[in-house]
């Protein structure tokens, strides 16, 4: 087969592959379905879809203070606007986990809350704790 014919066939395959799919398909239903699964309105008068705050949820400001103790049964908190912030956990090889908040705080449930000035991934103490956690 000549190289010109191989290039022509390869070009045709590329054009056909690029043309596959339904150009009229609307991705919005998929995104809307994902949003509806992840969030529930906080009230019947709310036009936005914010996650509902479970009863007894502490405020983030009261939980995430440098030197405080992170509650052992921690599932999340309510931020200053009243939105629910779910637990962001880094799983450890031991079965424990490090909970992170606002890219500035971290703690082990039942342990001391640590605050950092830089984003967590730039803080040497957090990175060392994460390495120990994953070892």
Protein backbone atom coordinates (compact mmCIF):
# COMPACT_ATOMS: atom_id res chain seq x y z
CA UNK A 1 0.00 0.00 0.00
CA UNK A 2 1.38 3.42 -0.81
CA UNK A 3 2.10 5.90 1.97
CA UNK A 4 -0.27 8.39 0.33
CA UNK A 5 -3.14 5.87 0.53
CA UNK A 6 -2.31 5.02 4.19
CA UNK A 7 -2.33 8.72 5.06
CA UNK A 8 -5.66 9.16 3.24
CA UNK A 9 -7.24 6.24 5.13
CA UNK A 10 -5.84 7.53 8.46
CA UNK A 11 -7.24 10.99 7.72
CA UNK A 12 -10.66 9.54 6.86
CA UNK A 13 -10.72 7.51 10.08
CA UNK A 14 -9.83 10.65 12.08
CA UNK A 15 -12.61 12.67 10.43
CA UNK A 16 -15.17 9.91 10.99
CA UNK A 17 -14.12 9.45 14.61
CA UNK A 18 -14.43 13.19 15.24
CA UNK A 19 -17.89 13.17 13.70
CA UNK A 20 -19.18 10.37 15.94
CA UNK A 21 -21.70 11.25 18.60
CA UNK A 22 -24.88 13.25 18.72
CA UNK A 23 -24.14 16.92 18.09
CA UNK A 24 -27.65 17.81 19.23
CA UNK A 25 -27.28 16.05 22.60
CA UNK A 26 -27.71 18.37 25.57
CA UNK A 27 -25.27 17.62 28.45
CA UNK A 28 -27.38 19.73 30.84
CA UNK A 29 -29.69 16.88 31.96
CA UNK A 30 -26.66 14.91 33.16
CA UNK A 31 -25.27 17.89 35.07
CA UNK A 32 -28.68 18.72 36.51
CA UNK A 33 -29.14 15.11 37.60
CA UNK A 34 -25.74 15.12 39.32
CA UNK A 35 -26.56 18.38 41.12
CA UNK A 36 -29.91 17.09 42.33
CA UNK A 37 -28.28 13.99 43.81
CA UNK A 38 -25.58 15.99 45.58
CA UNK A 39 -27.72 18.75 47.05
CA UNK A 40 -31.07 19.41 48.60
CA UNK A 41 -32.67 22.83 49.04
CA UNK A 42 -32.41 24.21 52.58
CA UNK A 43 -35.95 25.59 52.48
CA UNK A 44 -38.97 25.55 50.24
CA UNK A 45 -38.50 29.25 49.49
CA UNK A 46 -34.88 28.89 48.39
CA UNK A 47 -34.32 29.07 44.65
CA UNK A 48 -30.78 27.69 44.91
CA UNK A 49 -29.91 24.07 45.62
CA UNK A 50 -27.84 24.13 48.81
CA UNK A 51 -27.14 20.99 50.84
CA UNK A 52 -29.34 20.79 53.91
CA UNK A 53 -27.63 21.09 57.28
CA UNK A 54 -28.28 18.06 59.52
CA UNK A 55 -29.71 18.89 62.95
CA UNK A 56 -27.02 19.43 65.59
CA UNK A 57 -24.34 20.35 63.06
CA UNK A 58 -21.77 22.66 64.68
CA UNK A 59 -20.62 25.88 63.04
CA UNK A 60 -17.31 25.63 61.20
CA UNK A 61 -16.03 28.63 63.17
CA UNK A 62 -16.55 26.81 66.46
CA UNK A 63 -14.93 23.56 65.29
CA UNK A 64 -11.99 24.77 63.23
CA UNK A 65 -9.91 26.76 65.71
CA UNK A 66 -6.16 26.27 66.10
CA UNK A 67 -5.53 24.17 69.21
CA UNK A 68 -9.14 23.03 69.61
CA UNK A 69 -10.05 19.34 69.65
CA UNK A 70 -11.83 17.98 66.57
CA UNK A 71 -14.89 16.05 67.77
CA UNK A 72 -14.41 12.31 67.39
CA UNK A 73 -17.73 11.79 65.59
CA UNK A 74 -17.17 14.60 63.05
CA UNK A 75 -19.26 14.61 59.86
CA UNK A 76 -19.16 18.24 58.78
CA UNK A 77 -20.04 21.76 59.79
CA UNK A 78 -22.13 24.77 58.80
CA UNK A 79 -20.21 27.72 57.35
CA UNK A 80 -21.02 31.35 58.11
CA UNK A 81 -23.59 31.52 55.31
CA UNK A 82 -25.40 28.48 56.71
CA UNK A 83 -24.24 26.05 54.02
CA UNK A 84 -23.29 22.52 55.04
CA UNK A 85 -19.61 21.66 54.52
CA UNK A 86 -19.11 17.90 54.49
CA UNK A 87 -16.08 16.18 55.96
CA UNK A 88 -12.98 16.25 53.71
CA UNK A 89 -10.96 13.25 54.86
CA UNK A 90 -7.61 11.84 53.80
CA UNK A 91 -7.68 8.09 54.45
CA UNK A 92 -4.67 6.67 56.28
CA UNK A 93 -3.19 3.20 55.89
CA UNK A 94 -3.98 2.54 59.58
CA UNK A 95 -7.70 3.03 59.01
CA UNK A 96 -7.72 6.47 60.61
CA UNK A 97 -8.04 9.65 58.61
CA UNK A 98 -6.97 13.27 58.61
CA UNK A 99 -9.85 15.72 58.26
CA UNK A 100 -9.15 18.94 56.37
CA UNK A 101 -11.07 22.19 56.21
CA UNK A 102 -10.77 25.34 54.12
CA UNK A 103 -7.25 24.35 52.89
CA UNK A 104 -5.98 25.85 56.18
CA UNK A 105 -6.93 23.42 58.97
CA UNK A 106 -6.38 19.73 59.62
CA UNK A 107 -6.87 17.28 62.48
CA UNK A 108 -7.43 13.65 63.35
CA UNK A 109 -10.87 13.10 64.92
CA UNK A 110 -10.41 13.39 68.69
CA UNK A 111 -7.07 15.18 68.13
CA UNK A 112 -5.79 18.74 68.03
CA UNK A 113 -6.80 21.08 65.21
CA UNK A 114 -3.78 22.55 63.41
CA UNK A 115 -4.01 25.82 61.46
CA UNK A 116 -1.55 26.74 58.71
CA UNK A 117 -0.84 30.05 56.98
CA UNK A 118 -0.29 28.63 53.49
CA UNK A 119 -2.44 26.13 51.61
CA UNK A 120 -2.11 22.67 53.18
CA UNK A 121 -0.08 21.19 50.34
CA UNK A 122 2.59 23.86 50.91
CA UNK A 123 2.84 23.37 54.68
CA UNK A 124 5.74 21.12 55.70
CA UNK A 125 4.06 19.88 58.91
CA UNK A 126 0.86 18.92 57.09
CA UNK A 127 2.82 17.20 54.31
CA UNK A 128 4.79 15.22 56.93
CA UNK A 129 1.54 14.21 58.69
CA UNK A 130 0.02 13.15 55.35
CA UNK A 131 3.12 11.07 54.53
CA UNK A 132 2.96 9.32 57.93
CA UNK A 133 -0.75 8.78 57.40
CA UNK A 134 -0.28 7.12 54.01
CA UNK A 135 2.80 5.04 54.99
